[in-house]
Amino acid sequence: AALTRHETTQLFRVVEELRAQGVAM
């Protein structure tokens, strides 16, 4: 909600890493 597009892209990279590690979100 408070993130720029660049910061959102960074966060989504983290989400993809967590997805690969088997984290449920």
PDB file of all heavy atoms in Angstrom:
ATOM      1  N   ALA A   1       0.814  -1.221   0.000  1.00  0.00           N
ATOM      2  CA  ALA A   1       0.000   0.000   0.000  1.00  0.00           C
ATOM      3  C   ALA A   1       0.843   1.266   0.000  1.00  0.00           C
ATOM      4  O   ALA A   1       0.470   2.263  -0.619  1.00  0.00           O
ATOM      5  CB  ALA A   1      -0.943  -0.001   1.206  1.00  0.00           C
ATOM      6  N   ALA A   2       1.992   1.234   0.698  1.00  0.00           N
ATOM      7  CA  ALA A   2       2.818   2.439   0.800  1.00  0.00           C
ATOM      8  C   ALA A   2       4.098   2.340  -0.014  1.00  0.00           C
ATOM      9  O   ALA A   2       4.999   3.161   0.145  1.00  0.00           O
ATOM     10  CB  ALA A   2       3.162   2.709   2.268  1.00  0.00           C
ATOM     11  N   LEU A   3       4.177   1.348  -0.899  1.00  0.00           N
ATOM     12  CA  LEU A   3       5.423   1.112  -1.615  1.00  0.00           C
ATOM     13  C   LEU A   3       5.388   1.683  -3.033  1.00  0.00           C
ATOM     14  O   LEU A   3       4.335   1.730  -3.671  1.00  0.00           O
ATOM     15  CB  LEU A   3       5.717  -0.392  -1.695  1.00  0.00           C
ATOM     16  CG  LEU A   3       5.787  -1.155  -0.367  1.00  0.00           C
ATOM     17  CD1 LEU A   3       6.249  -2.581  -0.617  1.00  0.00           C
ATOM     18  CD2 LEU A   3       6.698  -0.466   0.632  1.00  0.00           C
ATOM     19  N   THR A   4       6.551   2.097  -3.519  1.00  0.00           N
ATOM     20  CA  THR A   4       6.678   2.500  -4.915  1.00  0.00           C
ATOM     21  C   THR A   4       6.679   1.242  -5.786  1.00  0.00           C
ATOM     22  O   THR A   4       6.779   0.117  -5.296  1.00  0.00           O
ATOM     23  CB  THR A   4       7.986   3.266  -5.143  1.00  0.00           C
ATOM     24  OG1 THR A   4       9.090   2.369  -4.891  1.00  0.00           O
ATOM     25  CG2 THR A   4       8.090   4.464  -4.221  1.00  0.00           C
ATOM     26  N   ARG A   5       6.606   1.458  -7.097  1.00  0.00           N
ATOM     27  CA  ARG A   5       6.637   0.306  -8.007  1.00  0.00           C
ATOM     28  C   ARG A   5       7.946  -0.470  -7.861  1.00  0.00           C
ATOM     29  O   ARG A   5       7.950  -1.705  -7.887  1.00  0.00           O
ATOM     30  CB  ARG A   5       6.456   0.785  -9.456  1.00  0.00           C
ATOM     31  CG  ARG A   5       5.042   1.240  -9.760  1.00  0.00           C
ATOM     32  CD  ARG A   5       4.827   1.413 -11.252  1.00  0.00           C
ATOM     33  NE  ARG A   5       5.694   2.428 -11.837  1.00  0.00           N
ATOM     34  CZ  ARG A   5       5.684   2.752 -13.128  1.00  0.00           C
ATOM     35  NH1 ARG A   5       4.881   2.127 -13.960  1.00  0.00           N
ATOM     36  NH2 ARG A   5       6.486   3.702 -13.586  1.00  0.00           N
ATOM     37  N   HIS A   6       9.053   0.254  -7.705  1.00  0.00           N
ATOM     38  CA  HIS A   6      10.341  -0.414  -7.539  1.00  0.00           C
ATOM     39  C   HIS A   6      10.365  -1.238  -6.261  1.00  0.00           C
ATOM     40  O   HIS A   6      10.816  -2.394  -6.258  1.00  0.00           O
ATOM     41  CB  HIS A   6      11.465   0.625  -7.530  1.00  0.00           C
ATOM     42  CG  HIS A   6      12.821   0.052  -7.230  1.00  0.00           C
ATOM     43  ND1 HIS A   6      13.483  -0.796  -8.096  1.00  0.00           N
ATOM     44  CD2 HIS A   6      13.629   0.190  -6.136  1.00  0.00           C
ATOM     45  CE1 HIS A   6      14.643  -1.145  -7.566  1.00  0.00           C
ATOM     46  NE2 HIS A   6      14.752  -0.563  -6.385  1.00  0.00           N
ATOM     47  N   GLU A   7       9.872  -0.666  -5.168  1.00  0.00           N
ATOM     48  CA  GLU A   7       9.854  -1.383  -3.892  1.00  0.00           C
ATOM     49  C   GLU A   7       8.897  -2.572  -3.949  1.00  0.00           C
ATOM     50  O   GLU A   7       9.170  -3.631  -3.364  1.00  0.00           O
ATOM     51  CB  GLU A   7       9.464  -0.423  -2.773  1.00  0.00           C
ATOM     52  CG  GLU A   7      10.538   0.618  -2.467  1.00  0.00           C
ATOM     53  CD  GLU A   7      10.007   1.798  -1.663  1.00  0.00           C
ATOM     54  OE1 GLU A   7       8.779   2.040  -1.663  1.00  0.00           O
ATOM     55  OE2 GLU A   7      10.834   2.491  -1.047  1.00  0.00           O
ATOM     56  N   THR A   8       7.774  -2.416  -4.653  1.00  0.00           N
ATOM     57  CA  THR A   8       6.844  -3.530  -4.820  1.00  0.00           C
ATOM     58  C   THR A   8       7.489  -4.661  -5.600  1.00  0.00           C
ATOM     59  O   THR A   8       7.339  -5.844  -5.261  1.00  0.00           O
ATOM     60  CB  THR A   8       5.564  -3.063  -5.537  1.00  0.00           C
ATOM     61  OG1 THR A   8       4.893  -2.109  -4.710  1.00  0.00           O
ATOM     62  CG2 THR A   8       4.621  -4.229  -5.809  1.00  0.00           C
ATOM     63  N   THR A   9       8.242  -4.308  -6.648  1.00  0.00           N
ATOM     64  CA  THR A   9       8.954  -5.322  -7.434  1.00  0.00           C
ATOM     65  C   THR A   9       9.946  -6.070  -6.556  1.00  0.00           C
ATOM     66  O   THR A   9      10.071  -7.309  -6.642  1.00  0.00           O
ATOM     67  CB  THR A   9       9.689  -4.672  -8.618  1.00  0.00           C
ATOM     68  OG1 THR A   9       8.722  -4.035  -9.465  1.00  0.00           O
ATOM     69  CG2 THR A   9      10.461  -5.703  -9.423  1.00  0.00           C
ATOM     70  N   GLN A  10      10.640  -5.334  -5.667  1.00  0.00           N
ATOM     71  CA  GLN A  10      11.567  -5.975  -4.728  1.00  0.00           C
ATOM     72  C   GLN A  10      10.828  -6.951  -3.822  1.00  0.00           C
ATOM     73  O   GLN A  10      11.283  -8.083  -3.595  1.00  0.00           O
ATOM     74  CB  GLN A  10      12.275  -4.920  -3.875  1.00  0.00           C
ATOM     75  CG  GLN A  10      13.366  -4.143  -4.580  1.00  0.00           C
ATOM     76  CD  GLN A  10      14.041  -3.177  -3.622  1.00  0.00           C
ATOM     77  OE1 GLN A  10      13.383  -2.498  -2.832  1.00  0.00           O
ATOM     78  NE2 GLN A  10      15.352  -3.102  -3.682  1.00  0.00           N
ATOM     79  N   LEU A  11       9.694  -6.524  -3.302  1.00  0.00           N
ATOM     80  CA  LEU A  11       8.924  -7.379  -2.409  1.00  0.00           C
ATOM     81  C   LEU A  11       8.460  -8.641  -3.132  1.00  0.00           C
ATOM     82  O   LEU A  11       8.535  -9.750  -2.590  1.00  0.00           O
ATOM     83  CB  LEU A  11       7.713  -6.617  -1.866  1.00  0.00           C
ATOM     84  CG  LEU A  11       6.715  -7.469  -1.064  1.00  0.00           C
ATOM     85  CD1 LEU A  11       7.363  -8.019   0.193  1.00  0.00           C
ATOM     86  CD2 LEU A  11       5.477  -6.648  -0.712  1.00  0.00           C
ATOM     87  N   PHE A  12       7.999  -8.491  -4.374  1.00  0.00           N
ATOM     88  CA  PHE A  12       7.507  -9.646  -5.111  1.00  0.00           C
ATOM     89  C   PHE A  12       8.642 -10.624  -5.427  1.00  0.00           C
ATOM     90  O   PHE A  12       8.410 -11.833  -5.541  1.00  0.00           O
ATOM     91  CB  PHE A  12       6.800  -9.192  -6.387  1.00  0.00           C
ATOM     92  CG  PHE A  12       5.416  -8.646  -6.139  1.00  0.00           C
ATOM     93  CD1 PHE A  12       4.639  -8.173  -7.185  1.00  0.00           C
ATOM     94  CD2 PHE A  12       4.886  -8.596  -4.861  1.00  0.00           C
ATOM     95  CE1 PHE A  12       3.370  -7.668  -6.960  1.00  0.00           C
ATOM     96  CE2 PHE A  12       3.617  -8.086  -4.620  1.00  0.00           C
ATOM     97  CZ  PHE A  12       2.861  -7.624  -5.669  1.00  0.00           C
ATOM     98  N   ARG A  13       9.863 -10.116  -5.576  1.00  0.00           N
ATOM     99  CA  ARG A  13      11.009 -11.025  -5.727  1.00  0.00           C
ATOM    100  C   ARG A  13      11.181 -11.868  -4.467  1.00  0.00           C
ATOM    101  O   ARG A  13      11.455 -13.073  -4.533  1.00  0.00           O
ATOM    102  CB  ARG A  13      12.289 -10.220  -5.991  1.00  0.00           C
ATOM    103  CG  ARG A  13      12.371  -9.608  -7.380  1.00  0.00           C
ATOM    104  CD  ARG A  13      13.813  -9.226  -7.708  1.00  0.00           C
ATOM    105  NE  ARG A  13      13.879  -8.317  -8.845  1.00  0.00           N
ATOM    106  CZ  ARG A  13      14.097  -7.009  -8.735  1.00  0.00           C
ATOM    107  NH1 ARG A  13      14.290  -6.461  -7.550  1.00  0.00           N
ATOM    108  NH2 ARG A  13      14.140  -6.254  -9.820  1.00  0.00           N
ATOM    109  N   VAL A  14      11.018 -11.214  -3.308  1.00  0.00           N
ATOM    110  CA  VAL A  14      11.108 -11.936  -2.037  1.00  0.00           C
ATOM    111  C   VAL A  14       9.995 -12.980  -1.953  1.00  0.00           C
ATOM    112  O   VAL A  14      10.224 -14.120  -1.528  1.00  0.00           O
ATOM    113  CB  VAL A  14      11.030 -10.955  -0.846  1.00  0.00           C
ATOM    114  CG1 VAL A  14      10.945 -11.713   0.464  1.00  0.00           C
ATOM    115  CG2 VAL A  14      12.229 -10.025  -0.846  1.00  0.00           C
ATOM    116  N   VAL A  15       8.788 -12.604  -2.367  1.00  0.00           N
ATOM    117  CA  VAL A  15       7.666 -13.543  -2.342  1.00  0.00           C
ATOM    118  C   VAL A  15       7.963 -14.763  -3.211  1.00  0.00           C
ATOM    119  O   VAL A  15       7.686 -15.906  -2.827  1.00  0.00           O
ATOM    120  CB  VAL A  15       6.365 -12.848  -2.799  1.00  0.00           C
ATOM    121  CG1 VAL A  15       5.248 -13.871  -3.029  1.00  0.00           C
ATOM    122  CG2 VAL A  15       5.924 -11.822  -1.766  1.00  0.00           C
ATOM    123  N   GLU A  16       8.550 -14.530  -4.388  1.00  0.00           N
ATOM    124  CA  GLU A  16       8.888 -15.649  -5.266  1.00  0.00           C
ATOM    125  C   GLU A  16       9.940 -16.553  -4.626  1.00  0.00           C
ATOM    126  O   GLU A  16       9.878 -17.783  -4.752  1.00  0.00           O
ATOM    127  CB  GLU A  16       9.381 -15.139  -6.629  1.00  0.00           C
ATOM    128  CG  GLU A  16       8.294 -14.509  -7.489  1.00  0.00           C
ATOM    129  CD  GLU A  16       7.167 -15.487  -7.802  1.00  0.00           C
ATOM    130  OE1 GLU A  16       7.401 -16.721  -7.814  1.00  0.00           O
ATOM    131  OE2 GLU A  16       6.036 -15.027  -8.010  1.00  0.00           O
ATOM    132  N   GLU A  17      10.907 -15.959  -3.929  1.00  0.00           N
ATOM    133  CA  GLU A  17      11.905 -16.759  -3.226  1.00  0.00           C
ATOM    134  C   GLU A  17      11.258 -17.595  -2.138  1.00  0.00           C
ATOM    135  O   GLU A  17      11.569 -18.777  -1.966  1.00  0.00           O
ATOM    136  CB  GLU A  17      12.972 -15.845  -2.616  1.00  0.00           C
ATOM    137  CG  GLU A  17      13.871 -15.151  -3.642  1.00  0.00           C
ATOM    138  CD  GLU A  17      14.786 -14.128  -2.986  1.00  0.00           C
ATOM    139  OE1 GLU A  17      14.811 -14.074  -1.741  1.00  0.00           O
ATOM    140  OE2 GLU A  17      15.457 -13.378  -3.719  1.00  0.00           O
ATOM    141  N   LEU A  18      10.329 -16.985  -1.395  1.00  0.00           N
ATOM    142  CA  LEU A  18       9.641 -17.706  -0.331  1.00  0.00           C
ATOM    143  C   LEU A  18       8.756 -18.807  -0.910  1.00  0.00           C
ATOM    144  O   LEU A  18       8.627 -19.888  -0.321  1.00  0.00           O
ATOM    145  CB  LEU A  18       8.793 -16.730   0.491  1.00  0.00           C
ATOM    146  CG  LEU A  18       9.568 -15.674   1.267  1.00  0.00           C
ATOM    147  CD1 LEU A  18       8.620 -14.678   1.921  1.00  0.00           C
ATOM    148  CD2 LEU A  18      10.458 -16.319   2.311  1.00  0.00           C
ATOM    149  N   ARG A  19       8.149 -18.534  -2.068  1.00  0.00           N
ATOM    150  CA  ARG A  19       7.341 -19.550  -2.734  1.00  0.00           C
ATOM    151  C   ARG A  19       8.218 -20.774  -3.050  1.00  0.00           C
ATOM    152  O   ARG A  19       7.826 -21.921  -2.815  1.00  0.00           O
ATOM    153  CB  ARG A  19       6.750 -18.971  -4.017  1.00  0.00           C
ATOM    154  CG  ARG A  19       5.672 -19.844  -4.669  1.00  0.00           C
ATOM    155  CD  ARG A  19       5.462 -19.455  -6.119  1.00  0.00           C
ATOM    156  NE  ARG A  19       5.077 -18.079  -6.316  1.00  0.00           N
ATOM    157  CZ  ARG A  19       3.821 -17.646  -6.317  1.00  0.00           C
ATOM    158  NH1 ARG A  19       2.834 -18.489  -6.118  1.00  0.00           N
ATOM    159  NH2 ARG A  19       3.547 -16.373  -6.543  1.00  0.00           N
ATOM    160  N   ALA A  20       9.424 -20.510  -3.582  1.00  0.00           N
ATOM    161  CA  ALA A  20      10.338 -21.596  -3.933  1.00  0.00           C
ATOM    162  C   ALA A  20      10.809 -22.366  -2.698  1.00  0.00           C
ATOM    163  O   ALA A  20      11.109 -23.564  -2.782  1.00  0.00           O
ATOM    164  CB  ALA A  20      11.542 -21.041  -4.693  1.00  0.00           C
ATOM    165  N   GLN A  21      10.842 -21.665  -1.553  1.00  0.00           N
ATOM    166  CA  GLN A  21      11.262 -22.312  -0.308  1.00  0.00           C
ATOM    167  C   GLN A  21      10.126 -23.057   0.381  1.00  0.00           C
ATOM    168  O   GLN A  21      10.318 -23.661   1.434  1.00  0.00           O
ATOM    169  CB  GLN A  21      11.821 -21.252   0.647  1.00  0.00           C
ATOM    170  CG  GLN A  21      13.107 -20.597   0.162  1.00  0.00           C
ATOM    171  CD  GLN A  21      13.466 -19.347   0.947  1.00  0.00           C
ATOM    172  OE1 GLN A  21      13.003 -19.159   2.083  1.00  0.00           O
ATOM    173  NE2 GLN A  21      14.284 -18.483   0.361  1.00  0.00           N
ATOM    174  N   GLY A  22       8.917 -22.996  -0.210  1.00  0.00           N
ATOM    175  CA  GLY A  22       7.792 -23.745   0.350  1.00  0.00           C
ATOM    176  C   GLY A  22       7.006 -23.013   1.405  1.00  0.00           C
ATOM    177  O   GLY A  22       6.224 -23.637   2.142  1.00  0.00           O
ATOM    178  N   VAL A  23       7.168 -21.680   1.508  1.00  0.00           N
ATOM    179  CA  VAL A  23       6.395 -20.912   2.480  1.00  0.00           C
ATOM    180  C   VAL A  23       4.961 -20.736   1.962  1.00  0.00           C
ATOM    181  O   VAL A  23       4.748 -20.436   0.780  1.00  0.00           O
ATOM    182  CB  VAL A  23       7.034 -19.533   2.734  1.00  0.00           C
ATOM    183  CG1 VAL A  23       6.175 -18.684   3.665  1.00  0.00           C
ATOM    184  CG2 VAL A  23       8.436 -19.698   3.306  1.00  0.00           C
ATOM    185  N   ALA A  24       3.993 -20.944   2.816  1.00  0.00           N
ATOM    186  CA  ALA A  24       2.589 -20.701   2.470  1.00  0.00           C
ATOM    187  C   ALA A  24       2.266 -19.247   2.778  1.00  0.00           C
ATOM    188  O   ALA A  24       2.639 -18.737   3.844  1.00  0.00           O
ATOM    189  CB  ALA A  24       1.679 -21.621   3.268  1.00  0.00           C
ATOM    190  N   MET A  25       1.564 -18.576   1.859  1.00  0.00           N
ATOM    191  CA  MET A  25       1.318 -17.149   2.036  1.00  0.00           C
ATOM    192  C   MET A  25      -0.149 -16.789   1.815  1.00  0.00           C
ATOM    193  O   MET A  25      -0.806 -17.338   0.929  1.00  0.00           O
ATOM    194  CB  MET A  25       2.205 -16.343   1.075  1.00  0.00           C
ATOM    195  CG  MET A  25       3.661 -16.291   1.508  1.00  0.00           C
ATOM    196  SD  MET A  25       4.778 -15.639   0.216  1.00  0.00           S
ATOM    197  CE  MET A  25       5.038 -17.114  -0.768  1.00  0.00           C
TER     198      MET A  25
END
